[in-house]
Amino acid sequence: MSNLSSLIKSIRDIMREDRGLSGDGQRIEQLAWMLFLKIMDNKDRSTTFLKKTAKFA
């Protein structure tokens, strides 16, 4: 869990340097969107992998 906390803190620090984001509200929104996209990508990859391996079973 501490790895997740440190990862989010480092991402937040990077986002604070972005002049296009003004405030914690926008940073939280962008971070939530990035996490959502990452989760969806992982699910898509695992589904594709399962479909490929099911053909050989």
C-alpha atoms as a PDB file:
ATOM      1  CA  MET A   1       0.000   0.000   0.000  1.00  0.00           C
ATOM      2  CA  SER A   2       2.878   2.372   0.683  1.00  0.00           C
ATOM      3  CA  ASN A   3       4.073   1.824  -2.895  1.00  0.00           C
ATOM      4  CA  LEU A   4       0.725   3.081  -4.176  1.00  0.00           C
ATOM      5  CA  SER A   5       0.885   6.087  -1.859  1.00  0.00           C
ATOM      6  CA  SER A   6       4.399   6.976  -2.963  1.00  0.00           C
ATOM      7  CA  LEU A   7       3.452   6.489  -6.619  1.00  0.00           C
ATOM      8  CA  ILE A   8       0.458   8.810  -6.294  1.00  0.00           C
ATOM      9  CA  LYS A   9       2.569  11.363  -4.421  1.00  0.00           C
ATOM     10  CA  SER A  10       5.218  11.373  -7.146  1.00  0.00           C
ATOM     11  CA  ILE A  11       2.572  11.705  -9.879  1.00  0.00           C
ATOM     12  CA  ARG A  12       0.944  14.526  -7.930  1.00  0.00           C
ATOM     13  CA  ASP A  13       4.286  16.304  -7.607  1.00  0.00           C
ATOM     14  CA  ILE A  14       4.842  16.037 -11.366  1.00  0.00           C
ATOM     15  CA  MET A  15       1.338  17.304 -12.056  1.00  0.00           C
ATOM     16  CA  ARG A  16       1.899  20.311  -9.783  1.00  0.00           C
ATOM     17  CA  GLU A  17       4.594  21.481 -12.204  1.00  0.00           C
ATOM     18  CA  ASP A  18       2.130  21.413 -15.122  1.00  0.00           C
ATOM     19  CA  ARG A  19       0.963  24.949 -15.822  1.00  0.00           C
ATOM     20  CA  GLY A  20      -2.134  23.661 -17.616  1.00  0.00           C
ATOM     21  CA  LEU A  21      -3.633  22.363 -14.382  1.00  0.00           C
ATOM     22  CA  SER A  22      -4.863  24.895 -11.874  1.00  0.00           C
ATOM     23  CA  GLY A  23      -5.673  23.386  -8.534  1.00  0.00           C
ATOM     24  CA  ASP A  24      -6.083  20.108  -6.744  1.00  0.00           C
ATOM     25  CA  GLY A  25      -9.532  19.557  -8.224  1.00  0.00           C
ATOM     26  CA  GLN A  26      -8.179  19.317 -11.745  1.00  0.00           C
ATOM     27  CA  ARG A  27      -5.234  17.189 -10.652  1.00  0.00           C
ATOM     28  CA  ILE A  28      -7.531  14.723  -8.881  1.00  0.00           C
ATOM     29  CA  GLU A  29      -9.795  14.554 -11.918  1.00  0.00           C
ATOM     30  CA  GLN A  30      -6.874  13.911 -14.261  1.00  0.00           C
ATOM     31  CA  LEU A  31      -5.338  11.329 -11.925  1.00  0.00           C
ATOM     32  CA  ALA A  32      -8.653   9.478 -11.594  1.00  0.00           C
ATOM     33  CA  TRP A  33      -9.039   9.455 -15.385  1.00  0.00           C
ATOM     34  CA  MET A  34      -5.511   8.091 -15.869  1.00  0.00           C
ATOM     35  CA  LEU A  35      -6.132   5.338 -13.307  1.00  0.00           C
ATOM     36  CA  PHE A  36      -9.432   4.436 -14.991  1.00  0.00           C
ATOM     37  CA  LEU A  37      -7.744   4.179 -18.383  1.00  0.00           C
ATOM     38  CA  LYS A  38      -4.934   2.055 -16.942  1.00  0.00           C
ATOM     39  CA  ILE A  39      -7.408  -0.343 -15.329  1.00  0.00           C
ATOM     40  CA  MET A  40      -9.422  -0.634 -18.555  1.00  0.00           C
ATOM     41  CA  ASP A  41      -6.242  -1.281 -20.561  1.00  0.00           C
ATOM     42  CA  ASN A  42      -5.183  -4.037 -18.157  1.00  0.00           C
ATOM     43  CA  LYS A  43      -8.630  -5.650 -18.333  1.00  0.00           C
ATOM     44  CA  ASP A  44      -8.580  -5.504 -22.116  1.00  0.00           C
ATOM     45  CA  ARG A  45      -5.130  -7.083 -22.259  1.00  0.00           C
ATOM     46  CA  SER A  46      -6.076  -9.875 -19.856  1.00  0.00           C
ATOM     47  CA  THR A  47      -9.287 -10.578 -21.791  1.00  0.00           C
ATOM     48  CA  THR A  48      -7.346 -10.745 -25.043  1.00  0.00           C
ATOM     49  CA  PHE A  49      -4.799 -13.077 -23.449  1.00  0.00           C
ATOM     50  CA  LEU A  50      -7.536 -15.348 -22.097  1.00  0.00           C
ATOM     51  CA  LYS A  51      -9.232 -15.515 -25.475  1.00  0.00           C
ATOM     52  CA  LYS A  52      -5.960 -16.436 -27.177  1.00  0.00           C
ATOM     53  CA  THR A  53      -5.064 -19.110 -24.637  1.00  0.00           C
ATOM     54  CA  ALA A  54      -8.598 -20.559 -24.637  1.00  0.00           C
ATOM     55  CA  LYS A  55      -8.206 -21.447 -28.311  1.00  0.00           C
ATOM     56  CA  PHE A  56      -5.324 -23.759 -27.469  1.00  0.00           C
ATOM     57  CA  ALA A  57      -6.985 -25.445 -24.501  1.00  0.00           C
END
